[in-house]
Amino acid sequence: MEKIVGLWRNMSKPEALTLAPKIEAWFRARGWDVLTEWEDIIKHKAEFLISLGGDGTLLQAAREASSFGIPVLGVNFGRLGFLCEIEREEVYGALEKILSKDFEIQERLMLNVVVNGGAEDGISYRVLNDVVFSREGRDGIITLQANLSGEPTVSYPADGLIVSTPTGSTAYSLSAGGPIISPNVQAILLTPLAAHSLSARPMLVSDEEEIQILLANGEKCMVTFDGRQSIVIYSGQTVIIKTDPIKALLIRLGTRSFPQVVREKLRDRWHE
């Protein structure tokens, strides 16, 4: 049976592009075929995917690979790297562990987002990190109302709102004052951006909830999906957010626990 691995490269990182052919030669010397074009990776059903970049690269790779059940190993060439399993200098030792089947596959919750009304009516998006609602330009504050399972729940007069997965809790939400959530927790986090009310606090809700976000005050706001795709919604439109049935699959080698990752990445705030 043919053994196939895929490479997902961040084309803007020279170090990743330099390492990619070395990894390819390493695999070929061990009888593996290496594919770099996404269409080929899907067609030939790669056993796993190696993401060479930072957390953003891994997010994109894992989101795309999820539909085909392909697990992803993240190699960090970025800065913070909360999601990537290994650093660049650890890559060959990690690959040895994978070939010897010494790894686990961790499922990560994703969100399905559907826009109601306007030109985007019925269009859906899948996100692994977050959905960010933000006021546009010099417009004043906006008010975003969150309904849980159809019932009005909380109103956020603010510069915006972040709806994130546990994976996304260590991204934009964290810098906005939201809590860090273990990836093993199945929940959805709402974090306001520069809230204009002392009662507007982050809220953690069940992953079984359907969240409806309405632009209750303001003419329009920007909605961004995993920091890549953006649309503008207007007053009267709603955005429905719920757990996606498909999970992202990340390869974990057991070299770092989640608490250890938190300590390492936030070491400027850690006191021995």
Protein backbone atom coordinates (compact mmCIF):
# COMPACT_ATOMS: atom_id res chain seq x y z
CA MET A 1 0.00 0.00 0.00
CA GLU A 2 1.36 3.42 -1.00
CA LYS A 3 2.37 5.66 1.90
CA ILE A 4 1.59 9.32 1.26
CA VAL A 5 2.14 12.50 3.29
CA GLY A 6 1.11 16.03 2.36
CA LEU A 7 3.01 19.28 2.93
CA TRP A 8 1.15 22.53 3.56
CA ARG A 9 3.66 25.39 3.29
CA ASN A 10 3.42 29.05 4.20
CA MET A 11 4.82 30.52 0.99
CA SER A 12 5.76 33.79 2.71
CA LYS A 13 8.20 32.16 5.16
CA PRO A 14 11.62 31.46 3.56
CA GLU A 15 12.64 29.09 6.37
CA ALA A 16 9.56 26.95 5.76
CA LEU A 17 10.28 26.81 2.03
CA THR A 18 13.89 25.84 2.76
CA LEU A 19 12.89 23.03 5.11
CA ALA A 20 10.14 21.60 2.86
CA PRO A 21 12.43 19.86 0.30
CA LYS A 22 14.55 18.47 3.15
CA ILE A 23 11.46 16.92 4.72
CA GLU A 24 10.44 15.60 1.32
CA ALA A 25 13.85 13.92 0.86
CA TRP A 26 13.64 12.49 4.40
CA PHE A 27 10.30 10.83 3.67
CA ARG A 28 11.28 9.57 0.23
CA ALA A 29 14.35 7.90 1.71
CA ARG A 30 11.94 5.92 3.89
CA GLY A 31 9.63 4.87 1.08
CA TRP A 32 6.99 7.59 1.37
CA ASP A 33 5.56 9.73 -1.38
CA VAL A 34 5.27 13.46 -0.61
CA LEU A 35 2.61 15.71 -2.18
CA THR A 36 2.50 19.50 -2.05
CA GLU A 37 -0.51 20.34 -4.25
CA TRP A 38 -3.83 20.29 -2.37
CA GLU A 39 -5.72 18.64 -5.22
CA ASP A 40 -3.20 15.79 -5.26
CA ILE A 41 -3.27 15.46 -1.47
CA ILE A 42 -7.04 14.98 -1.57
CA LYS A 43 -7.07 12.76 -4.64
CA HIS A 44 -4.45 10.35 -3.29
CA LYS A 45 -5.75 10.45 0.31
CA ALA A 46 -2.64 11.45 2.24
CA GLU A 47 -2.36 9.77 5.65
CA PHE A 48 -1.51 13.05 7.33
CA LEU A 49 -0.54 16.64 6.59
CA ILE A 50 2.46 18.63 7.83
CA SER A 51 1.86 22.36 8.22
CA LEU A 52 5.00 24.52 7.90
CA GLY A 53 4.34 28.04 9.17
CA GLY A 54 2.74 29.47 12.27
CA ASP A 55 -0.62 29.13 13.99
CA GLY A 56 -2.36 30.89 11.09
CA THR A 57 -0.95 28.38 8.62
CA LEU A 58 -2.04 25.49 10.83
CA LEU A 59 -5.54 26.94 11.18
CA GLN A 60 -5.96 27.05 7.43
CA ALA A 61 -4.51 23.58 6.91
CA ALA A 62 -6.58 21.96 9.66
CA ARG A 63 -9.79 23.65 8.54
CA GLU A 64 -9.34 22.47 4.94
CA ALA A 65 -8.17 18.98 5.93
CA SER A 66 -11.06 18.43 8.35
CA SER A 67 -13.56 17.71 5.57
CA PHE A 68 -11.39 14.81 4.40
CA GLY A 69 -10.50 13.39 7.83
CA ILE A 70 -6.79 14.21 7.43
CA PRO A 71 -4.91 14.87 10.69
CA VAL A 72 -2.39 17.74 10.73
CA LEU A 73 0.98 18.21 12.45
CA GLY A 74 1.93 21.85 12.98
CA VAL A 75 5.58 22.95 12.78
CA ASN A 76 6.03 26.44 14.15
CA PHE A 77 7.86 29.05 12.09
CA GLY A 78 5.87 31.89 13.58
CA ARG A 79 6.17 33.79 16.83
CA LEU A 80 3.81 32.67 19.59
CA GLY A 81 2.68 29.30 18.28
CA PHE A 82 -0.02 28.16 20.71
CA LEU A 83 -1.35 25.56 18.28
CA CYS A 84 1.71 24.17 16.53
CA GLU A 85 2.89 20.98 18.18
CA ILE A 86 6.62 21.34 17.53
CA GLU A 87 9.31 23.93 16.80
CA ARG A 88 11.37 23.74 13.62
CA GLU A 89 14.43 22.25 15.35
CA GLU A 90 12.33 19.32 16.62
CA VAL A 91 10.94 18.26 13.27
CA TYR A 92 12.92 15.07 12.51
CA GLY A 93 12.49 13.60 15.97
CA ALA A 94 8.76 14.30 15.66
CA LEU A 95 8.57 12.61 12.27
CA GLU A 96 10.28 9.51 13.66
CA LYS A 97 7.57 9.32 16.33
CA ILE A 98 4.84 9.62 13.73
CA LEU A 99 6.25 6.83 11.58
CA SER A 100 6.44 4.61 14.65
CA LYS A 101 2.76 5.46 15.42
CA ASP A 102 3.73 7.15 18.69
CA PHE A 103 1.16 9.95 18.60
CA GLU A 104 -2.46 10.81 19.33
CA ILE A 105 -5.05 12.60 17.23
CA GLN A 106 -6.87 15.36 19.09
CA GLU A 107 -10.27 16.55 17.90
CA ARG A 108 -10.89 20.30 18.00
CA LEU A 109 -14.32 21.91 18.01
CA MET A 110 -15.18 24.10 15.02
CA LEU A 111 -18.05 26.50 14.43
CA ASN A 112 -20.53 26.67 11.59
CA VAL A 113 -21.60 30.23 10.83
CA VAL A 114 -24.57 31.18 8.64
CA VAL A 115 -25.49 34.72 7.62
CA ASN A 116 -29.19 35.55 7.26
CA GLY A 117 -30.31 38.44 5.09
CA GLY A 118 -28.51 40.62 2.56
CA ALA A 119 -26.35 39.42 -0.32
CA GLU A 120 -24.79 36.76 1.91
CA ASP A 121 -28.11 35.16 2.86
CA GLY A 122 -27.67 31.47 3.54
CA ILE A 123 -23.90 31.47 2.98
CA SER A 124 -22.08 29.39 5.60
CA TYR A 125 -18.53 29.54 6.93
CA ARG A 126 -16.54 27.05 8.99
CA VAL A 127 -14.11 28.43 11.56
CA LEU A 128 -11.62 26.84 13.92
CA ASN A 129 -10.57 29.94 15.87
CA ASP A 130 -13.18 32.69 15.98
CA VAL A 131 -15.81 34.90 14.42
CA VAL A 132 -15.09 38.58 15.06
CA PHE A 133 -17.70 41.33 14.86
CA SER A 134 -16.18 44.84 14.75
CA ARG A 135 -17.31 48.38 14.07
CA GLU A 136 -16.11 49.92 10.84
CA GLY A 137 -13.67 52.81 10.67
CA ARG A 138 -14.72 55.87 12.61
CA ASP A 139 -18.26 54.71 13.24
CA GLY A 140 -19.44 54.96 16.82
CA ILE A 141 -19.97 52.02 19.13
CA ILE A 142 -22.27 49.25 18.03
CA THR A 143 -24.55 47.05 20.07
CA LEU A 144 -24.52 43.33 19.39
CA GLN A 145 -27.27 41.25 20.95
CA ALA A 146 -26.66 37.57 21.59
CA ASN A 147 -29.64 35.23 21.73
CA LEU A 148 -29.12 31.69 22.99
CA SER A 149 -31.43 29.08 21.47
CA GLY A 150 -33.80 31.84 20.37
CA GLU A 151 -34.01 33.63 23.72
CA PRO A 152 -32.52 37.14 24.21
CA THR A 153 -29.64 36.72 26.62
CA VAL A 154 -27.03 39.50 26.66
CA SER A 155 -26.41 42.80 24.91
CA TYR A 156 -22.91 44.13 24.18
CA PRO A 157 -22.50 47.88 23.53
CA ALA A 158 -18.87 47.77 22.41
CA ASP A 159 -16.36 48.13 19.62
CA GLY A 160 -17.13 44.54 18.72
CA LEU A 161 -17.55 40.95 19.87
CA ILE A 162 -15.47 37.79 19.50
CA VAL A 163 -17.21 34.41 19.37
CA SER A 164 -14.51 31.76 19.72
CA THR A 165 -13.85 28.08 20.18
CA PRO A 166 -11.58 26.80 22.97
CA THR A 167 -8.83 26.75 20.32
CA GLY A 168 -9.48 30.41 19.60
CA SER A 169 -9.47 31.36 23.28
CA THR A 170 -5.68 31.81 23.10
CA ALA A 171 -5.89 34.10 20.05
CA TYR A 172 -7.65 37.49 19.70
CA SER A 173 -10.02 36.74 22.57
CA LEU A 174 -7.09 36.39 24.97
CA SER A 175 -5.70 39.82 24.07
CA ALA A 176 -9.21 41.25 24.55
CA GLY A 177 -9.33 39.98 28.14
CA GLY A 178 -11.05 36.65 27.60
CA PRO A 179 -10.13 33.51 29.56
CA ILE A 180 -7.90 30.68 28.36
CA ILE A 181 -9.97 27.54 27.81
CA SER A 182 -8.55 24.03 27.70
CA PRO A 183 -9.05 22.44 24.25
CA ASN A 184 -10.74 19.51 26.00
CA VAL A 185 -13.62 21.75 27.08
CA GLN A 186 -16.56 21.68 24.68
CA ALA A 187 -17.87 25.23 24.85
CA ILE A 188 -18.22 28.50 22.95
CA LEU A 189 -16.82 31.78 24.30
CA LEU A 190 -18.23 35.30 23.81
CA THR A 191 -15.75 38.10 24.52
CA PRO A 192 -16.63 41.80 24.02
CA LEU A 193 -14.14 44.20 22.44
CA ALA A 194 -13.70 47.43 24.45
CA ALA A 195 -17.12 47.11 26.06
CA HIS A 196 -18.89 50.36 26.98
CA SER A 197 -20.71 48.77 29.91
CA LEU A 198 -19.37 47.32 33.14
CA SER A 199 -21.96 44.54 32.92
CA ALA A 200 -20.73 43.40 29.46
CA ARG A 201 -18.54 40.47 30.44
CA PRO A 202 -17.18 37.42 28.62
CA MET A 203 -19.62 34.51 28.63
CA LEU A 204 -18.96 30.79 28.25
CA VAL A 205 -21.87 28.77 26.84
CA SER A 206 -22.51 25.14 26.02
CA ASP A 207 -21.40 23.79 22.66
CA GLU A 208 -25.00 22.61 22.21
CA GLU A 209 -26.34 26.17 22.08
CA GLU A 210 -27.33 27.90 18.87
CA ILE A 211 -26.13 31.49 19.12
CA GLN A 212 -27.89 34.24 17.20
CA ILE A 213 -26.01 37.54 16.89
CA LEU A 214 -28.03 40.63 15.89
CA LEU A 215 -26.75 44.11 15.12
CA ALA A 216 -29.13 45.85 17.53
CA ASN A 217 -27.58 49.33 17.29
CA GLY A 218 -25.50 50.73 14.46
CA GLU A 219 -25.82 50.72 10.69
CA LYS A 220 -23.21 48.09 9.88
CA CYS A 221 -20.32 46.04 11.20
CA MET A 222 -17.54 43.87 9.85
CA VAL A 223 -17.64 40.11 10.42
CA THR A 224 -14.35 38.23 10.03
CA PHE A 225 -13.93 34.46 9.95
CA ASP A 226 -10.65 33.04 11.34
CA GLY A 227 -8.91 36.31 10.49
CA ARG A 228 -9.11 35.64 6.74
CA GLN A 229 -12.52 36.15 5.13
CA SER A 230 -14.58 39.25 5.94
CA ILE A 231 -18.05 40.48 5.09
CA VAL A 232 -20.14 43.48 6.15
CA ILE A 233 -23.54 42.98 7.75
CA TYR A 234 -26.18 45.67 8.21
CA SER A 235 -28.93 46.40 10.68
CA GLY A 236 -31.61 43.73 10.38
CA GLN A 237 -29.22 40.93 9.43
CA THR A 238 -28.43 38.10 11.83
CA VAL A 239 -25.58 35.63 12.13
CA ILE A 240 -26.28 32.11 13.40
CA ILE A 241 -23.39 30.30 15.10
CA LYS A 242 -23.38 26.71 16.27
CA THR A 243 -21.01 23.77 16.61
CA ASP A 244 -19.98 22.22 13.31
CA PRO A 245 -20.44 18.43 13.11
CA ILE A 246 -16.94 18.09 11.63
CA LYS A 247 -13.93 18.31 13.94
CA ALA A 248 -10.45 19.52 13.11
CA LEU A 249 -7.84 16.79 13.68
CA LEU A 250 -4.49 17.77 15.20
CA ILE A 251 -1.57 15.39 15.73
CA ARG A 252 -0.27 15.46 19.30
CA LEU A 253 3.00 13.80 20.27
CA GLY A 254 2.65 14.11 24.03
CA THR A 255 5.81 16.18 24.34
CA ARG A 256 3.99 19.16 25.87
CA SER A 257 0.91 19.29 28.04
CA PHE A 258 -1.58 22.15 27.68
CA PRO A 259 -0.48 23.74 31.00
CA GLN A 260 3.14 23.57 29.82
CA VAL A 261 2.26 25.26 26.54
CA VAL A 262 0.49 28.04 28.46
CA ARG A 263 3.54 28.53 30.71
CA GLU A 264 5.95 28.60 27.79
CA LYS A 265 3.95 30.96 25.61
CA LEU A 266 3.07 33.35 28.44
CA ARG A 267 6.38 33.17 30.25
CA ASP A 268 6.57 36.97 30.52
CA ARG A 269 3.72 36.66 33.03
CA TRP A 270 4.90 33.49 34.73
CA HIS A 271 6.83 33.69 38.02
CA GLU A 272 8.99 30.76 39.05
